[in-house]
Amino acid sequence: MTLSLFALIPLLIYLGFFIFIVYVVVTILKLMRQKNEYLKEIRDELRINNSVN
């Protein structure tokens, strides 16, 4: 019984590592999307300022 529990430990480690990688990728994608929104706002402001001048 104890040997079967020890056999699950590597599986749990790999599962945890996979979940961590997915979390990091999702977080990076959210940050990139937010950065793109900021850049779009800056672009729009510059277009408005250039059209006024």
C-alpha atoms as a PDB file:
ATOM      1  CA  MET A   1       0.000   0.000   0.000  1.00  0.00           C
ATOM      2  CA  THR A   2       2.738   2.483   0.868  1.00  0.00           C
ATOM      3  CA  LEU A   3       4.611   1.709  -2.346  1.00  0.00           C
ATOM      4  CA  SER A   4       1.568   2.609  -4.407  1.00  0.00           C
ATOM      5  CA  LEU A   5       1.326   5.938  -2.588  1.00  0.00           C
ATOM      6  CA  PHE A   6       4.989   6.633  -3.320  1.00  0.00           C
ATOM      7  CA  ALA A   7       4.327   5.864  -6.975  1.00  0.00           C
ATOM      8  CA  LEU A   8       1.770   8.688  -7.078  1.00  0.00           C
ATOM      9  CA  ILE A   9       4.240  11.326  -5.907  1.00  0.00           C
ATOM     10  CA  PRO A  10       5.989  11.783  -9.301  1.00  0.00           C
ATOM     11  CA  LEU A  11       2.610  11.935 -11.002  1.00  0.00           C
ATOM     12  CA  LEU A  12       1.476  14.661  -8.615  1.00  0.00           C
ATOM     13  CA  ILE A  13       4.708  16.564  -9.190  1.00  0.00           C
ATOM     14  CA  TYR A  14       4.232  16.461 -12.966  1.00  0.00           C
ATOM     15  CA  LEU A  15       0.605  17.482 -12.603  1.00  0.00           C
ATOM     16  CA  GLY A  16       1.573  20.407 -10.380  1.00  0.00           C
ATOM     17  CA  PHE A  17       4.262  21.463 -12.832  1.00  0.00           C
ATOM     18  CA  PHE A  18       1.765  21.328 -15.723  1.00  0.00           C
ATOM     19  CA  ILE A  19      -0.778  23.405 -13.801  1.00  0.00           C
ATOM     20  CA  PHE A  20       1.921  25.954 -12.948  1.00  0.00           C
ATOM     21  CA  ILE A  21       2.947  26.268 -16.599  1.00  0.00           C
ATOM     22  CA  VAL A  22      -0.670  26.777 -17.670  1.00  0.00           C
ATOM     23  CA  TYR A  23      -1.078  29.457 -14.982  1.00  0.00           C
ATOM     24  CA  VAL A  24       2.052  31.286 -16.154  1.00  0.00           C
ATOM     25  CA  VAL A  25       0.958  31.197 -19.798  1.00  0.00           C
ATOM     26  CA  VAL A  26      -2.529  32.507 -18.969  1.00  0.00           C
ATOM     27  CA  THR A  27      -1.066  35.290 -16.817  1.00  0.00           C
ATOM     28  CA  ILE A  28       1.367  36.330 -19.553  1.00  0.00           C
ATOM     29  CA  LEU A  29      -1.423  36.385 -22.129  1.00  0.00           C
ATOM     30  CA  LYS A  30      -3.556  38.583 -19.870  1.00  0.00           C
ATOM     31  CA  LEU A  31      -0.673  41.006 -19.342  1.00  0.00           C
ATOM     32  CA  MET A  32       0.020  41.163 -23.077  1.00  0.00           C
ATOM     33  CA  ARG A  33      -3.649  41.854 -23.796  1.00  0.00           C
ATOM     34  CA  GLN A  34      -3.671  44.654 -21.200  1.00  0.00           C
ATOM     35  CA  LYS A  35      -0.501  46.139 -22.675  1.00  0.00           C
ATOM     36  CA  ASN A  36      -2.061  46.090 -26.142  1.00  0.00           C
ATOM     37  CA  GLU A  37      -5.125  47.913 -24.821  1.00  0.00           C
ATOM     38  CA  TYR A  38      -2.901  50.623 -23.325  1.00  0.00           C
ATOM     39  CA  LEU A  39      -1.015  50.961 -26.590  1.00  0.00           C
ATOM     40  CA  LYS A  40      -4.285  51.263 -28.524  1.00  0.00           C
ATOM     41  CA  GLU A  41      -5.408  54.050 -26.192  1.00  0.00           C
ATOM     42  CA  ILE A  42      -2.121  55.880 -26.689  1.00  0.00           C
ATOM     43  CA  ARG A  43      -2.393  55.427 -30.460  1.00  0.00           C
ATOM     44  CA  ASP A  44      -5.911  56.821 -30.478  1.00  0.00           C
ATOM     45  CA  GLU A  45      -4.866  59.831 -28.404  1.00  0.00           C
ATOM     46  CA  LEU A  46      -1.961  60.529 -30.746  1.00  0.00           C
ATOM     47  CA  ARG A  47      -4.253  60.313 -33.770  1.00  0.00           C
ATOM     48  CA  ILE A  48      -6.667  62.759 -32.183  1.00  0.00           C
ATOM     49  CA  ASN A  49      -3.855  65.173 -31.308  1.00  0.00           C
ATOM     50  CA  ASN A  50      -2.369  64.939 -34.814  1.00  0.00           C
ATOM     51  CA  SER A  51      -5.696  65.542 -36.510  1.00  0.00           C
ATOM     52  CA  VAL A  52      -6.317  68.666 -34.411  1.00  0.00           C
ATOM     53  CA  ASN A  53      -2.929  70.146 -35.317  1.00  0.00           C
END
